[in-house]
Structures are given as C-alpha cells and as structure tokens.
N, C-alpha and C. Protein backbone atom coordinates (compact mmCIF):
# COMPACT_ATOMS: atom_id res chain seq x y z
N MET A 1 -50.83 -42.41 -20.26
CA MET A 1 -52.10 -42.45 -19.43
C MET A 1 -51.88 -41.12 -18.37
N SER A 2 -52.70 -40.43 -18.14
CA SER A 2 -52.77 -39.16 -17.11
C SER A 2 -52.62 -39.64 -15.67
N ASP A 3 -51.87 -38.76 -14.89
CA ASP A 3 -52.04 -39.17 -13.53
C ASP A 3 -52.99 -38.18 -12.92
N ALA A 4 -53.65 -37.29 -13.61
CA ALA A 4 -54.45 -36.24 -13.22
C ALA A 4 -55.88 -37.03 -12.74
N ARG A 5 -56.22 -36.72 -11.38
CA ARG A 5 -57.64 -37.23 -10.91
C ARG A 5 -58.66 -36.63 -11.54
N THR A 6 -59.81 -37.38 -11.97
CA THR A 6 -60.98 -36.73 -12.62
C THR A 6 -61.64 -35.98 -11.46
N ARG A 7 -61.95 -34.69 -11.78
CA ARG A 7 -62.65 -33.70 -10.77
C ARG A 7 -64.12 -33.73 -11.34
N ARG A 8 -65.06 -34.08 -10.39
CA ARG A 8 -66.41 -34.00 -10.74
C ARG A 8 -67.07 -32.78 -10.30
N PHE A 9 -67.90 -32.01 -11.08
CA PHE A 9 -68.26 -30.76 -10.71
C PHE A 9 -70.06 -31.06 -10.72
N LEU A 10 -70.59 -30.68 -9.82
CA LEU A 10 -71.99 -30.66 -9.76
C LEU A 10 -72.51 -29.34 -10.18
N VAL A 11 -73.29 -29.07 -11.13
CA VAL A 11 -73.83 -27.80 -11.59
C VAL A 11 -75.43 -27.92 -11.20
N VAL A 12 -75.82 -27.20 -10.31
CA VAL A 12 -77.30 -27.15 -9.96
C VAL A 12 -77.58 -25.68 -10.61
N ALA A 13 -78.47 -25.42 -11.60
CA ALA A 13 -78.79 -24.38 -12.19
C ALA A 13 -80.14 -24.44 -12.72
N ASN A 14 -80.61 -23.11 -12.54
CA ASN A 14 -81.81 -22.50 -13.31
C ASN A 14 -81.32 -21.40 -14.26
N ARG A 15 -82.21 -21.08 -15.24
CA ARG A 15 -81.88 -19.96 -15.76
C ARG A 15 -82.11 -18.70 -15.27
N THR A 16 -81.11 -18.03 -14.80
CA THR A 16 -81.36 -16.80 -13.98
C THR A 16 -80.61 -15.46 -14.89
N GLU A 17 -80.72 -14.46 -14.19
CA GLU A 17 -79.95 -13.44 -14.81
C GLU A 17 -78.37 -13.58 -14.79
N SER A 18 -78.00 -14.36 -13.83
CA SER A 18 -76.63 -14.58 -13.61
C SER A 18 -76.06 -15.77 -14.41
N ALA A 19 -76.82 -16.32 -15.30
CA ALA A 19 -76.45 -17.47 -16.12
C ALA A 19 -75.09 -17.26 -16.76
N PRO A 20 -74.70 -16.17 -17.22
CA PRO A 20 -73.43 -15.88 -18.06
C PRO A 20 -72.31 -16.03 -16.88
N GLN A 21 -72.44 -15.58 -15.82
CA GLN A 21 -71.51 -15.75 -14.70
C GLN A 21 -71.16 -17.14 -14.26
N LEU A 22 -72.39 -17.91 -14.12
CA LEU A 22 -72.39 -19.33 -14.15
C LEU A 22 -71.43 -19.95 -15.34
N LEU A 23 -71.87 -19.94 -16.31
CA LEU A 23 -71.09 -20.38 -17.60
C LEU A 23 -69.58 -19.90 -17.56
N GLU A 24 -69.28 -18.77 -17.26
CA GLU A 24 -67.91 -18.42 -17.03
C GLU A 24 -67.26 -19.34 -15.93
N GLU A 25 -67.87 -19.60 -14.70
CA GLU A 25 -67.18 -20.39 -13.71
C GLU A 25 -67.02 -21.84 -14.25
N ILE A 26 -67.95 -22.28 -15.05
CA ILE A 26 -67.92 -23.68 -15.73
C ILE A 26 -66.62 -23.69 -16.64
N GLU A 27 -66.44 -22.83 -17.40
CA GLU A 27 -65.25 -22.51 -18.35
C GLU A 27 -64.17 -22.56 -17.65
N LYS A 28 -63.88 -21.77 -16.37
CA LYS A 28 -62.79 -21.73 -15.70
C LYS A 28 -62.35 -23.23 -15.08
N ARG A 29 -63.34 -24.00 -14.92
CA ARG A 29 -63.07 -25.45 -14.43
C ARG A 29 -62.93 -26.45 -15.48
N ALA A 30 -63.11 -25.98 -16.80
CA ALA A 30 -63.17 -26.89 -17.81
C ALA A 30 -61.71 -27.49 -18.14
N HIS A 31 -61.14 -28.37 -17.49
CA HIS A 31 -59.80 -28.92 -17.78
C HIS A 31 -59.82 -30.37 -18.13
N ASP A 32 -58.95 -30.80 -18.59
CA ASP A 32 -58.91 -32.27 -19.29
C ASP A 32 -59.49 -33.28 -18.30
N ASP A 33 -59.32 -33.00 -16.96
CA ASP A 33 -59.77 -34.04 -15.91
C ASP A 33 -61.16 -33.62 -15.43
N ALA A 34 -61.72 -32.70 -16.03
CA ALA A 34 -63.27 -32.38 -15.56
C ALA A 34 -64.25 -33.18 -16.23
N VAL A 35 -65.20 -33.43 -15.43
CA VAL A 35 -66.59 -33.91 -15.77
C VAL A 35 -67.60 -33.29 -14.95
N PHE A 36 -68.68 -32.78 -15.66
CA PHE A 36 -69.52 -31.97 -15.37
C PHE A 36 -70.95 -32.89 -15.00
N LEU A 37 -71.67 -32.81 -13.81
CA LEU A 37 -73.03 -33.33 -13.79
C LEU A 37 -73.89 -32.12 -13.60
N LEU A 38 -75.04 -32.25 -14.32
CA LEU A 38 -75.90 -30.97 -14.53
C LEU A 38 -77.34 -31.65 -14.06
N THR A 39 -77.82 -30.73 -13.06
CA THR A 39 -79.31 -31.06 -12.76
C THR A 39 -80.07 -29.69 -12.89
N VAL A 40 -81.12 -29.50 -13.37
CA VAL A 40 -81.97 -28.48 -13.42
C VAL A 40 -83.12 -28.53 -12.43
N PRO A 41 -83.23 -28.01 -11.21
CA PRO A 41 -84.35 -28.05 -10.40
C PRO A 41 -85.62 -27.72 -10.95
N PRO A 42 -86.93 -28.25 -10.82
CA PRO A 42 -88.15 -27.75 -11.40
C PRO A 42 -88.60 -26.52 -10.86
N GLU A 43 -88.89 -25.55 -11.86
CA GLU A 43 -89.19 -24.33 -11.48
C GLU A 43 -90.74 -24.49 -11.06
N ARG A 44 -90.90 -23.82 -9.76
CA ARG A 44 -92.31 -24.00 -9.08
C ARG A 44 -93.21 -22.93 -9.57
N HIS A 45 -92.87 -21.97 -10.25
CA HIS A 45 -93.75 -20.93 -10.69
C HIS A 45 -93.81 -21.00 -12.22
N PRO A 46 -95.11 -21.56 -12.82
CA PRO A 46 -95.26 -21.79 -14.18
C PRO A 46 -94.90 -20.65 -15.00
N GLU A 47 -95.28 -19.45 -14.71
CA GLU A 47 -94.92 -18.14 -15.39
C GLU A 47 -93.43 -17.67 -15.33
N ALA A 48 -92.64 -18.51 -14.52
CA ALA A 48 -91.14 -17.98 -14.40
C ALA A 48 -90.44 -18.55 -15.56
N PRO A 49 -89.55 -17.86 -16.38
CA PRO A 49 -89.03 -18.40 -17.40
C PRO A 49 -87.63 -19.32 -16.99
N ASP A 50 -87.54 -20.33 -17.74
CA ASP A 50 -86.54 -21.33 -17.29
C ASP A 50 -85.94 -22.08 -18.41
N TRP A 51 -84.83 -22.68 -18.41
CA TRP A 51 -84.30 -23.33 -19.66
C TRP A 51 -84.61 -24.74 -19.63
N THR A 52 -84.86 -25.58 -20.53
CA THR A 52 -85.15 -26.86 -20.28
C THR A 52 -83.67 -27.57 -20.36
N THR A 53 -83.95 -28.71 -19.75
CA THR A 53 -82.56 -29.44 -19.53
C THR A 53 -81.74 -29.49 -20.70
N ASP A 54 -82.38 -29.87 -21.74
CA ASP A 54 -81.45 -29.77 -23.13
C ASP A 54 -80.81 -28.51 -23.36
N GLN A 55 -81.59 -27.45 -23.22
CA GLN A 55 -80.82 -26.12 -23.38
C GLN A 55 -79.85 -25.66 -22.41
N ALA A 56 -80.07 -26.21 -21.17
CA ALA A 56 -78.89 -26.10 -20.12
C ALA A 56 -77.89 -26.82 -20.42
N ARG A 57 -77.97 -28.15 -20.89
CA ARG A 57 -76.88 -29.02 -21.12
C ARG A 57 -76.04 -28.50 -22.36
N ASP A 58 -76.73 -28.02 -23.36
CA ASP A 58 -76.19 -27.41 -24.66
C ASP A 58 -75.10 -26.28 -24.07
N LEU A 59 -75.72 -25.42 -23.36
CA LEU A 59 -74.95 -24.32 -22.79
C LEU A 59 -73.71 -24.67 -21.93
N VAL A 60 -73.98 -25.57 -21.17
CA VAL A 60 -73.06 -26.01 -20.21
C VAL A 60 -71.99 -26.84 -20.84
N GLN A 61 -72.27 -27.64 -21.88
CA GLN A 61 -71.28 -28.36 -22.71
C GLN A 61 -70.50 -27.27 -23.44
N ARG A 62 -70.97 -26.23 -24.13
CA ARG A 62 -70.22 -25.30 -24.82
C ARG A 62 -69.13 -24.60 -23.80
N ALA A 63 -69.66 -24.06 -22.52
CA ALA A 63 -68.88 -23.63 -21.62
C ALA A 63 -67.67 -24.54 -21.27
N ALA A 64 -68.15 -25.89 -21.13
CA ALA A 64 -67.09 -26.92 -20.56
C ALA A 64 -66.01 -27.30 -21.76
N ARG A 65 -66.20 -26.74 -22.90
CA ARG A 65 -65.27 -26.84 -23.88
C ARG A 65 -65.20 -28.30 -24.22
N GLY A 66 -66.47 -28.96 -24.42
CA GLY A 66 -66.41 -30.53 -24.84
C GLY A 66 -66.19 -31.51 -23.81
N ARG A 67 -65.88 -31.05 -22.62
CA ARG A 67 -65.67 -31.88 -21.45
C ARG A 67 -67.25 -32.73 -21.23
N PRO A 68 -67.15 -33.75 -20.60
CA PRO A 68 -68.32 -34.59 -20.52
C PRO A 68 -69.24 -33.76 -19.69
N VAL A 69 -70.59 -33.80 -20.04
CA VAL A 69 -71.69 -33.31 -19.13
C VAL A 69 -72.82 -34.36 -19.11
N GLU A 70 -72.96 -34.84 -17.87
CA GLU A 70 -73.85 -35.69 -17.59
C GLU A 70 -75.22 -35.22 -16.93
N ILE A 71 -76.54 -35.48 -17.63
CA ILE A 71 -77.67 -35.08 -16.92
C ILE A 71 -78.01 -35.71 -15.65
N VAL A 72 -78.25 -35.19 -14.61
CA VAL A 72 -78.78 -35.84 -13.53
C VAL A 72 -80.25 -35.52 -13.16
N ASP A 73 -80.98 -36.50 -13.35
CA ASP A 73 -82.43 -36.16 -12.93
C ASP A 73 -82.72 -35.95 -11.49
N CYS A 74 -83.21 -34.75 -11.21
CA CYS A 74 -83.36 -34.26 -9.72
C CYS A 74 -84.48 -34.93 -9.09
N GLY A 75 -85.61 -35.58 -9.82
CA GLY A 75 -86.75 -36.17 -9.13
C GLY A 75 -87.47 -35.02 -8.50
N GLU A 76 -88.48 -35.47 -7.75
CA GLU A 76 -89.26 -34.59 -7.08
C GLU A 76 -88.76 -33.48 -6.20
N ASP A 77 -87.44 -34.04 -5.59
CA ASP A 77 -86.96 -33.02 -4.56
C ASP A 77 -85.43 -32.77 -4.97
N ALA A 78 -85.13 -31.60 -5.69
CA ALA A 78 -83.65 -31.56 -6.09
C ALA A 78 -82.66 -31.26 -5.02
N ALA A 79 -83.08 -30.87 -3.81
CA ALA A 79 -82.00 -30.68 -2.77
C ALA A 79 -81.82 -32.25 -2.00
N ALA A 80 -82.76 -33.16 -2.26
CA ALA A 80 -82.58 -34.41 -1.58
C ALA A 80 -81.67 -35.03 -2.56
N THR A 81 -81.89 -35.02 -3.95
CA THR A 81 -80.97 -35.33 -5.08
C THR A 81 -79.48 -35.10 -4.74
N VAL A 82 -79.27 -33.65 -4.62
CA VAL A 82 -78.03 -33.00 -4.43
C VAL A 82 -77.35 -33.90 -2.99
N GLY A 83 -78.18 -33.88 -1.97
CA GLY A 83 -77.77 -34.48 -0.76
C GLY A 83 -77.31 -35.85 -0.94
N GLU A 84 -77.90 -36.84 -1.73
CA GLU A 84 -77.68 -38.01 -2.21
C GLU A 84 -76.11 -38.12 -2.81
N ILE A 85 -76.18 -37.22 -3.68
CA ILE A 85 -74.82 -37.09 -4.57
C ILE A 85 -73.70 -36.90 -3.79
N VAL A 86 -73.79 -35.95 -2.85
CA VAL A 86 -72.69 -35.41 -1.93
C VAL A 86 -72.43 -36.59 -1.11
N ALA A 87 -73.44 -37.14 -0.47
CA ALA A 87 -73.37 -38.14 0.66
C ALA A 87 -72.54 -39.46 -0.19
N GLY A 88 -72.73 -39.62 -1.45
CA GLY A 88 -72.24 -40.77 -2.07
C GLY A 88 -70.74 -40.35 -2.54
N GLY A 89 -70.26 -39.28 -2.55
CA GLY A 89 -69.14 -38.99 -3.01
C GLY A 89 -69.04 -38.72 -4.41
N GLY A 90 -70.23 -38.33 -4.96
CA GLY A 90 -70.21 -38.11 -6.60
C GLY A 90 -69.70 -36.89 -7.09
N CYS A 91 -69.18 -35.80 -6.15
CA CYS A 91 -68.75 -34.73 -6.67
C CYS A 91 -67.66 -34.12 -5.84
N ASP A 92 -66.84 -33.40 -6.50
CA ASP A 92 -65.88 -32.53 -5.65
C ASP A 92 -66.04 -31.40 -5.47
N GLU A 93 -66.88 -30.72 -6.35
CA GLU A 93 -67.26 -29.20 -6.11
C GLU A 93 -68.77 -28.84 -6.66
N ILE A 94 -69.37 -27.90 -6.06
CA ILE A 94 -70.72 -27.64 -6.42
C ILE A 94 -70.93 -26.11 -6.89
N LEU A 95 -71.44 -26.06 -8.17
CA LEU A 95 -71.78 -24.67 -8.47
C LEU A 95 -73.33 -24.45 -8.37
N LEU A 96 -73.83 -23.63 -7.73
CA LEU A 96 -75.30 -23.44 -7.51
C LEU A 96 -75.67 -22.01 -7.89
N SER A 97 -76.73 -22.05 -9.15
CA SER A 97 -77.14 -20.75 -9.45
C SER A 97 -78.76 -21.08 -9.80
N THR A 98 -79.44 -20.70 -8.52
CA THR A 98 -80.87 -21.18 -8.55
C THR A 98 -81.54 -20.01 -8.05
N PRO A 99 -82.85 -19.75 -8.31
CA PRO A 99 -83.56 -18.72 -7.69
C PRO A 99 -83.68 -18.83 -6.30
N PRO A 100 -83.72 -17.54 -5.48
CA PRO A 100 -83.61 -17.64 -3.95
C PRO A 100 -84.90 -18.53 -3.39
N GLU A 101 -85.93 -18.73 -4.08
CA GLU A 101 -87.18 -19.70 -3.47
C GLU A 101 -86.75 -21.02 -3.55
N HIS A 102 -85.58 -21.38 -4.08
CA HIS A 102 -85.23 -22.80 -4.03
C HIS A 102 -84.54 -23.11 -2.71
N HIS A 103 -83.70 -21.90 -2.24
CA HIS A 103 -82.80 -22.29 -1.28
C HIS A 103 -83.34 -22.72 0.12
N PRO A 104 -84.65 -22.54 0.43
CA PRO A 104 -85.08 -23.23 1.72
C PRO A 104 -85.30 -24.69 1.56
N HIS A 105 -85.30 -25.24 0.46
CA HIS A 105 -85.06 -26.66 0.39
C HIS A 105 -83.76 -27.13 0.77
N TRP A 106 -82.61 -26.61 0.43
CA TRP A 106 -81.66 -26.92 0.88
C TRP A 106 -81.41 -26.98 2.38
N HIS A 107 -81.95 -26.09 3.09
CA HIS A 107 -81.98 -25.82 4.54
C HIS A 107 -82.83 -26.89 5.08
N ARG A 108 -83.87 -27.18 4.60
CA ARG A 108 -84.70 -28.25 5.04
C ARG A 108 -84.04 -29.56 5.21
N HIS A 109 -83.22 -29.87 4.24
CA HIS A 109 -82.33 -31.03 4.28
C HIS A 109 -80.87 -31.11 4.82
N SER A 110 -80.77 -29.62 5.54
CA SER A 110 -79.42 -29.59 6.22
C SER A 110 -78.23 -29.68 5.44
N LEU A 111 -78.52 -29.20 4.12
CA LEU A 111 -77.48 -29.42 2.96
C LEU A 111 -76.11 -28.67 3.37
N PRO A 112 -76.48 -27.23 3.60
CA PRO A 112 -75.05 -26.62 4.00
C PRO A 112 -74.24 -27.11 5.19
N GLU A 113 -74.91 -27.59 6.05
CA GLU A 113 -74.15 -28.23 7.28
C GLU A 113 -73.42 -29.46 6.74
N ARG A 114 -74.18 -30.36 6.04
CA ARG A 114 -73.53 -31.63 5.55
C ARG A 114 -72.44 -31.48 4.74
N ILE A 115 -72.63 -30.53 3.65
CA ILE A 115 -71.61 -30.41 2.75
C ILE A 115 -70.36 -29.77 3.34
N GLN A 116 -70.54 -28.82 4.43
CA GLN A 116 -69.51 -28.21 4.91
C GLN A 116 -68.68 -29.22 5.73
N GLU A 117 -69.30 -30.34 6.46
CA GLU A 117 -68.70 -31.25 7.10
C GLU A 117 -67.72 -32.17 6.35
N LEU A 118 -68.34 -32.39 4.92
CA LEU A 118 -67.41 -33.05 4.03
C LEU A 118 -66.44 -32.20 3.47
N GLY A 119 -66.42 -30.86 3.48
CA GLY A 119 -65.39 -30.26 2.90
C GLY A 119 -65.40 -29.93 1.47
N ILE A 120 -66.49 -30.16 1.00
CA ILE A 120 -66.78 -29.72 -0.57
C ILE A 120 -66.87 -28.53 -0.77
N PRO A 121 -66.02 -27.93 -1.78
CA PRO A 121 -66.18 -26.44 -1.97
C PRO A 121 -67.68 -26.26 -2.80
N VAL A 122 -68.29 -25.08 -2.39
CA VAL A 122 -69.45 -24.61 -3.19
C VAL A 122 -69.18 -23.18 -3.53
N THR A 123 -69.65 -22.96 -4.67
CA THR A 123 -69.66 -21.70 -5.20
C THR A 123 -71.17 -21.42 -5.58
N VAL A 124 -71.67 -20.37 -4.90
CA VAL A 124 -73.23 -19.92 -5.08
C VAL A 124 -72.93 -18.60 -5.78
N ILE A 125 -73.75 -18.59 -6.88
CA ILE A 125 -73.82 -17.23 -7.86
C ILE A 125 -74.92 -16.71 -7.60
N PRO A 126 -75.09 -15.42 -7.08
CA PRO A 126 -76.15 -14.94 -6.95
C PRO A 126 -77.06 -14.75 -8.13
N PRO A 127 -78.56 -15.17 -8.12
CA PRO A 127 -79.28 -15.26 -9.21
C PRO A 127 -79.55 -13.87 -9.89
N ASP A 128 -79.31 -12.78 -9.11
CA ASP A 128 -79.91 -11.33 -9.78
C ASP A 128 -79.04 -10.30 -9.25
N ARG A 129 -79.13 -9.24 -9.87
CA ARG A 129 -78.37 -7.90 -9.46
C ARG A 129 -78.83 -7.45 -8.22
N SER A 130 -79.93 -7.90 -7.55
CA SER A 130 -80.58 -7.25 -6.45
C SER A 130 -79.55 -7.85 -5.15
N GLY A 131 -78.88 -8.76 -5.50
CA GLY A 131 -78.06 -9.23 -4.26
C GLY A 131 -78.82 -10.44 -3.43
N TRP A 132 -78.35 -10.54 -2.13
CA TRP A 132 -79.14 -11.43 -1.33
C TRP A 132 -79.82 -10.77 -0.15
N SER A 133 -81.03 -11.56 0.08
CA SER A 133 -81.65 -11.14 1.24
C SER A 133 -80.95 -11.62 2.45
N ALA A 134 -81.25 -11.12 3.60
CA ALA A 134 -80.48 -11.64 4.90
C ALA A 134 -80.82 -13.14 4.99
N GLY A 135 -81.95 -13.40 4.43
CA GLY A 135 -82.27 -14.80 4.80
C GLY A 135 -81.80 -15.96 3.86
N HIS A 136 -80.84 -15.59 2.94
CA HIS A 136 -80.43 -16.78 1.96
C HIS A 136 -79.85 -17.72 2.77
N GLY A 137 -79.15 -17.75 3.96
CA GLY A 137 -78.79 -18.76 4.83
C GLY A 137 -77.56 -19.59 4.31
N PHE A 138 -76.88 -19.28 3.28
CA PHE A 138 -75.54 -20.12 2.89
C PHE A 138 -74.52 -19.34 3.72
N PRO A 139 -73.51 -20.19 3.94
CA PRO A 139 -72.23 -19.93 4.64
C PRO A 139 -71.61 -18.61 3.67
N ASP A 140 -71.11 -17.85 4.42
CA ASP A 140 -70.54 -16.61 3.57
C ASP A 140 -69.43 -17.07 2.57
N GLU A 141 -68.60 -17.91 2.91
CA GLU A 141 -67.46 -18.33 2.18
C GLU A 141 -67.97 -19.00 0.85
N TRP A 142 -69.30 -19.45 0.61
CA TRP A 142 -69.85 -20.06 -0.37
C TRP A 142 -70.12 -19.03 -1.44
N VAL A 143 -70.60 -17.90 -1.10
CA VAL A 143 -71.12 -16.90 -2.15
C VAL A 143 -69.95 -16.10 -2.58
N ARG A 144 -69.73 -16.21 -4.04
CA ARG A 144 -68.71 -15.57 -4.46
C ARG A 144 -69.11 -14.48 -5.45
N ILE A 145 -69.09 -13.33 -4.69
CA ILE A 145 -69.51 -12.14 -5.33
C ILE A 145 -68.75 -11.82 -6.53
N GLU A 146 -67.48 -12.17 -6.52
CA GLU A 146 -66.75 -11.95 -7.75
C GLU A 146 -67.32 -12.58 -8.94
N ALA A 147 -68.03 -13.60 -8.63
CA ALA A 147 -68.42 -14.63 -9.78
C ALA A 147 -69.97 -14.13 -10.15
N GLY A 148 -70.45 -13.42 -9.28
CA GLY A 148 -71.91 -12.70 -9.57
C GLY A 148 -71.85 -11.30 -10.17
N PRO A 149 -72.89 -10.90 -10.44
CA PRO A 149 -73.15 -9.38 -11.37
C PRO A 149 -73.20 -8.25 -10.36
N LEU A 150 -72.64 -8.81 -8.95
CA LEU A 150 -72.61 -7.56 -7.93
C LEU A 150 -71.37 -6.86 -7.85
N THR A 151 -70.36 -7.28 -8.81
CA THR A 151 -69.19 -6.41 -8.85
C THR A 151 -69.21 -5.21 -9.66
C-alpha cells in the first residue's frame, strides 16, 4: 500500500488554441497518486467551436496516462460549480483554460479571492496567442506564461 496522498486536479477547460499546452500541464501532473476531475463549461456562443465532454475526456485521459478522469457536470453555472468543489475540499489544484468571456463569471462569484484564501494552486493557461487583456482579473501568480503559447 502506498503512503502517497491522492492529489485531485480540477480541470476546467474549453477547446481553445492553447489546448495542447493544457494537455502538457495535465501530463506533467499524471503521477500514480493523481485523479483528474474535468468540467467543460457551456460555450455561450453557438458558432464558437468547442469540444464535447466526451472529446475532452478522451484527450485528458490520454494526457493523464490512464489516471482516473471523472466528469463533473457544471450545471447552469460552471463558476458556481467550481466554487462548490473548492469550498468542499474536492480539489488540490485547478487547471483553467477557458475563453476570456468566461472569466467574469469567476469574479461574480468571488472565486479568485475564495481560492486564494484556501491556498489552492491555480494554473491559468492563456486561451490564445493574443495574451490577456488588462481586464482578465486573475492574480498574476496564477497565469503561467510558460505554460501558454506566449513564450
């Protein structure tokens, strides 16, 4: 029996230009003690391309090298669902890769502040090569430029 503590990674992701970087970050964390929770927030623009939950799970499963990947239904409000998972101690780290238009929902729920208070590490992967607008609003230490396409 292993003494290693299971690490639960919450992956909040839509298909973006930076999906390959997200999958690389998942692969880096795919150790024997890792479990991945995956939620795909609904895309609010019907013409915007996105992956289905099944497509996302298959890609995350491959990147996780066979580690468990559990789908979390985000319901009507993905940010509220993330808040509930965080408040309930359901994850040890968050990997976030969503379009910028999703980010105001995090702020409406005060998620950055709540997550910082709990000390949960967050890696925000910029969704595209254009970088961030001044209004993305996440703490600077969350944005991992080395993980995104801006390097």
